[in-house]
């Protein structure tokens, strides 16, 4: 196989990738914005679950994957079958699949947009240098991401009225200075309350805290 080649359309994508995933011990590393980043990803996940291959798969998603309840249910099912799933603390710009550290496929973000014309395109590489570098970047992102269970917290924490006000100020997008002034507290106190809130929500960032709060129904509409 050429070290770098372009794949045009989902049919060619699957024609190339399917033979690489038929072994029982294939390592599958995937980066995706959501469950629709890759064609047939949902069906492929169900097949892996039926075949008992989920423990060999690691999937890193953007926070956008948590937006839809049906997708969250799919993620729960995948996790229950042994998939290792983590959520990045920031959006992921490009889908990436690495198979057995020997083959890598990248999405073309432009061809994946809803307004794009023509078939989606992908770049397939067998270059050890490119794959090794990308795999190292994946490992770094994986280590800094949060486990799926962190986002699918089993129950909401109990927040007092003042903490709820801090939460709503946090998700409003207001600066710390503006939020503190509107809540009638010092900037130092506001930031301390935000830090306490992140701990209560088991969140590693303010963005993740906002996502978690929405998941738990802690934000009034």
Protein backbone atom coordinates (compact mmCIF):
# COMPACT_ATOMS: atom_id res chain seq x y z
CA UNK A 1 0.00 0.00 0.00
CA UNK A 2 1.22 3.50 -0.78
CA UNK A 3 2.31 5.36 2.34
CA UNK A 4 -0.30 8.11 1.76
CA UNK A 5 -3.41 7.85 -0.39
CA UNK A 6 -6.80 9.53 -0.72
CA UNK A 7 -10.07 7.64 -0.29
CA UNK A 8 -13.15 9.09 -1.95
CA UNK A 9 -16.54 8.20 -0.56
CA UNK A 10 -17.76 5.86 2.15
CA UNK A 11 -17.74 2.78 -0.10
CA UNK A 12 -14.01 3.11 -0.75
CA UNK A 13 -13.47 3.92 2.93
CA UNK A 14 -15.05 0.63 4.04
CA UNK A 15 -13.43 -1.36 1.25
CA UNK A 16 -10.06 -0.31 2.62
CA UNK A 17 -10.76 -0.46 6.33
CA UNK A 18 -12.80 -3.67 6.66
CA UNK A 19 -9.94 -6.14 5.94
CA UNK A 20 -7.85 -4.37 8.56
CA UNK A 21 -10.39 -4.91 11.35
CA UNK A 22 -11.30 -8.58 10.95
CA UNK A 23 -8.66 -9.95 13.32
CA UNK A 24 -9.77 -10.74 16.87
CA UNK A 25 -6.81 -8.87 18.37
CA UNK A 26 -6.92 -5.67 16.31
CA UNK A 27 -6.18 -2.54 18.35
CA UNK A 28 -8.59 0.24 17.39
CA UNK A 29 -7.92 3.86 18.36
CA UNK A 30 -10.49 6.43 17.31
CA UNK A 31 -10.87 10.19 17.58
CA UNK A 32 -14.25 11.64 16.63
CA UNK A 33 -16.42 14.69 17.14
CA UNK A 34 -19.52 12.55 17.65
CA UNK A 35 -21.05 9.20 16.68
CA UNK A 36 -21.59 10.36 13.09
CA UNK A 37 -18.03 11.49 12.36
CA UNK A 38 -17.24 8.11 10.77
CA UNK A 39 -19.60 6.37 8.31
CA UNK A 40 -21.30 3.36 9.85
CA UNK A 41 -19.66 3.98 13.23
CA UNK A 42 -22.76 2.95 15.18
CA UNK A 43 -23.11 -0.31 13.26
CA UNK A 44 -19.39 -1.03 13.60
CA UNK A 45 -19.60 -0.51 17.37
CA UNK A 46 -22.53 -2.93 17.64
CA UNK A 47 -20.58 -5.51 15.62
CA UNK A 48 -17.57 -5.11 17.90
CA UNK A 49 -19.83 -5.58 20.91
CA UNK A 50 -21.34 -8.77 19.47
CA UNK A 51 -17.88 -10.14 18.68
CA UNK A 52 -16.51 -9.21 22.11
CA UNK A 53 -13.78 -6.96 20.69
CA UNK A 54 -14.68 -3.80 22.60
CA UNK A 55 -11.81 -4.06 25.15
CA UNK A 56 -9.34 -3.49 22.31
CA UNK A 57 -11.00 -0.22 21.30
CA UNK A 58 -10.31 3.23 22.73
CA UNK A 59 -12.56 6.06 21.64
CA UNK A 60 -11.94 9.75 22.30
CA UNK A 61 -14.86 12.09 21.58
CA UNK A 62 -15.51 15.82 21.61
CA UNK A 63 -17.98 17.06 24.25
CA UNK A 64 -20.54 17.43 21.41
CA UNK A 65 -21.18 13.67 21.57
CA UNK A 66 -23.05 14.22 24.84
CA UNK A 67 -25.61 16.62 23.37
CA UNK A 68 -28.20 14.02 22.35
CA UNK A 69 -29.86 11.65 24.84
CA UNK A 70 -29.97 8.80 22.31
CA UNK A 71 -26.25 9.16 21.72
CA UNK A 72 -25.65 9.12 25.46
CA UNK A 73 -27.62 5.86 25.64
CA UNK A 74 -25.43 4.41 22.88
CA UNK A 75 -22.31 5.48 24.78
CA UNK A 76 -23.63 3.85 27.95
CA UNK A 77 -24.20 0.60 26.05
CA UNK A 78 -20.72 0.74 24.55
CA UNK A 79 -19.16 1.36 27.96
CA UNK A 80 -21.14 -1.52 29.44
CA UNK A 81 -19.62 -3.81 26.79
CA UNK A 82 -16.08 -2.78 27.65
CA UNK A 83 -15.33 0.09 25.30
CA UNK A 84 -12.87 2.53 26.85
CA UNK A 85 -14.39 5.94 26.17
CA UNK A 86 -13.16 9.35 27.19
CA UNK A 87 -14.39 12.87 26.50
CA UNK A 88 -11.92 15.58 25.56
CA UNK A 89 -12.17 18.89 27.39
CA UNK A 90 -12.18 20.79 24.07
CA UNK A 91 -13.64 20.13 20.60
CA UNK A 92 -11.61 17.83 18.37
CA UNK A 93 -11.10 19.31 14.89
CA UNK A 94 -10.43 16.15 12.88
CA UNK A 95 -11.50 12.52 13.01
CA UNK A 96 -8.68 9.99 13.21
CA UNK A 97 -8.55 6.19 13.25
CA UNK A 98 -5.36 4.25 13.98
CA UNK A 99 -5.44 0.48 13.48
CA UNK A 100 -2.75 -1.67 15.12
CA UNK A 101 -0.42 1.36 14.95
CA UNK A 102 0.20 0.42 11.30
CA UNK A 103 -2.59 2.19 9.42
CA UNK A 104 -4.09 5.63 9.99
CA UNK A 105 -7.12 7.27 8.37
CA UNK A 106 -7.97 10.96 8.74
CA UNK A 107 -11.23 12.65 7.86
CA UNK A 108 -11.30 15.70 5.62
CA UNK A 109 -13.17 18.23 7.81
CA UNK A 110 -14.28 20.29 4.80
CA UNK A 111 -15.90 17.33 3.01
CA UNK A 112 -17.73 16.31 6.21
CA UNK A 113 -19.60 19.59 6.59
CA UNK A 114 -23.35 19.50 5.84
CA UNK A 115 -22.98 22.04 3.01
CA UNK A 116 -20.15 20.13 1.34
CA UNK A 117 -20.75 18.82 -2.17
CA UNK A 118 -19.57 15.48 -3.44
CA UNK A 119 -18.45 12.41 -1.49
CA UNK A 120 -16.59 12.63 1.78
CA UNK A 121 -12.86 12.16 1.44
CA UNK A 122 -10.30 10.57 3.73
CA UNK A 123 -6.52 10.35 3.86
CA UNK A 124 -5.05 6.92 4.52
CA UNK A 125 -1.44 6.54 5.62
CA UNK A 126 0.94 3.67 6.37
CA UNK A 127 3.86 5.97 7.17
CA UNK A 128 5.43 4.84 10.48
CA UNK A 129 6.62 8.38 11.21
CA UNK A 130 3.19 9.96 10.70
CA UNK A 131 1.39 7.22 12.60
CA UNK A 132 3.87 7.28 15.46
CA UNK A 133 3.58 11.03 15.85
CA UNK A 134 -0.21 10.99 15.69
CA UNK A 135 -0.42 8.10 18.14
CA UNK A 136 1.73 10.02 20.61
CA UNK A 137 -0.59 13.03 20.31
CA UNK A 138 -3.56 10.74 20.87
CA UNK A 139 -1.99 9.35 24.04
CA UNK A 140 -1.45 12.86 25.38
CA UNK A 141 -5.05 13.85 24.60
CA UNK A 142 -6.30 10.60 26.12
CA UNK A 143 -4.44 11.19 29.37
CA UNK A 144 -5.93 14.69 29.68
CA UNK A 145 -9.49 13.62 28.83
CA UNK A 146 -12.18 12.62 31.31
CA UNK A 147 -13.65 9.14 31.51
CA UNK A 148 -17.18 8.84 30.17
CA UNK A 149 -18.49 7.89 33.61
CA UNK A 150 -17.40 11.29 34.87
CA UNK A 151 -19.93 12.91 32.54
CA UNK A 152 -22.66 10.32 33.07
CA UNK A 153 -22.67 11.00 36.80
CA UNK A 154 -25.35 8.82 38.47
CA UNK A 155 -27.01 11.62 40.40
CA UNK A 156 -26.89 15.40 40.79
CA UNK A 157 -25.03 16.92 43.74
CA UNK A 158 -27.00 18.99 46.21
CA UNK A 159 -26.34 22.68 45.56
CA UNK A 160 -27.42 25.42 47.89
CA UNK A 161 -29.05 28.57 46.52
CA UNK A 162 -25.82 30.56 46.44
CA UNK A 163 -23.91 27.81 44.62
CA UNK A 164 -26.74 27.55 42.09
CA UNK A 165 -26.37 31.28 41.41
CA UNK A 166 -22.64 30.78 40.83
CA UNK A 167 -23.39 27.90 38.46
CA UNK A 168 -25.75 29.99 36.36
CA UNK A 169 -23.26 32.85 36.27
CA UNK A 170 -20.59 30.39 35.17
CA UNK A 171 -22.58 28.96 32.26
CA UNK A 172 -23.81 32.40 31.19
CA UNK A 173 -20.38 33.19 29.78
CA UNK A 174 -19.92 36.28 31.94
CA UNK A 175 -16.38 37.17 32.98
CA UNK A 176 -15.40 36.44 36.55
CA UNK A 177 -15.34 40.16 37.32
CA UNK A 178 -18.86 40.75 35.97
CA UNK A 179 -20.28 37.62 37.63
CA UNK A 180 -18.76 38.50 41.00
CA UNK A 181 -20.11 42.05 40.82
CA UNK A 182 -23.61 40.87 39.88
CA UNK A 183 -23.63 38.34 42.71
CA UNK A 184 -22.35 40.89 45.21
CA UNK A 185 -19.21 39.00 46.18
CA UNK A 186 -15.49 39.60 45.86
CA UNK A 187 -13.63 38.24 42.86
CA UNK A 188 -11.61 35.99 45.15
CA UNK A 189 -14.75 34.57 46.76
CA UNK A 190 -16.40 34.00 43.40
CA UNK A 191 -13.40 32.08 42.06
CA UNK A 192 -13.26 30.00 45.24
CA UNK A 193 -16.95 29.14 44.83
CA UNK A 194 -16.33 28.20 41.18
CA UNK A 195 -13.49 25.88 42.25
CA UNK A 196 -15.78 24.28 44.84
CA UNK A 197 -18.47 23.88 42.19
CA UNK A 198 -16.08 22.09 39.83
CA UNK A 199 -15.23 19.70 42.66
CA UNK A 200 -18.93 19.06 43.37
CA UNK A 201 -19.53 18.27 39.70
CA UNK A 202 -16.32 16.21 39.44
CA UNK A 203 -15.31 18.41 36.52
CA UNK A 204 -11.78 19.23 35.38
CA UNK A 205 -12.70 22.45 33.57
CA UNK A 206 -15.40 25.10 33.49
CA UNK A 207 -16.56 23.84 30.12
CA UNK A 208 -16.97 20.33 31.49
CA UNK A 209 -18.81 21.70 34.52
CA UNK A 210 -21.33 23.38 32.20
CA UNK A 211 -21.84 20.17 30.22
CA UNK A 212 -22.27 18.15 33.40
CA UNK A 213 -24.71 20.64 34.90
CA UNK A 214 -26.85 20.41 31.76
CA UNK A 215 -26.70 16.61 31.89
CA UNK A 216 -27.87 16.62 35.52
CA UNK A 217 -30.66 19.13 34.99
CA UNK A 218 -29.08 21.69 37.32
CA UNK A 219 -29.55 24.61 34.94
CA UNK A 220 -32.95 26.30 34.79
CA UNK A 221 -34.25 26.86 31.26
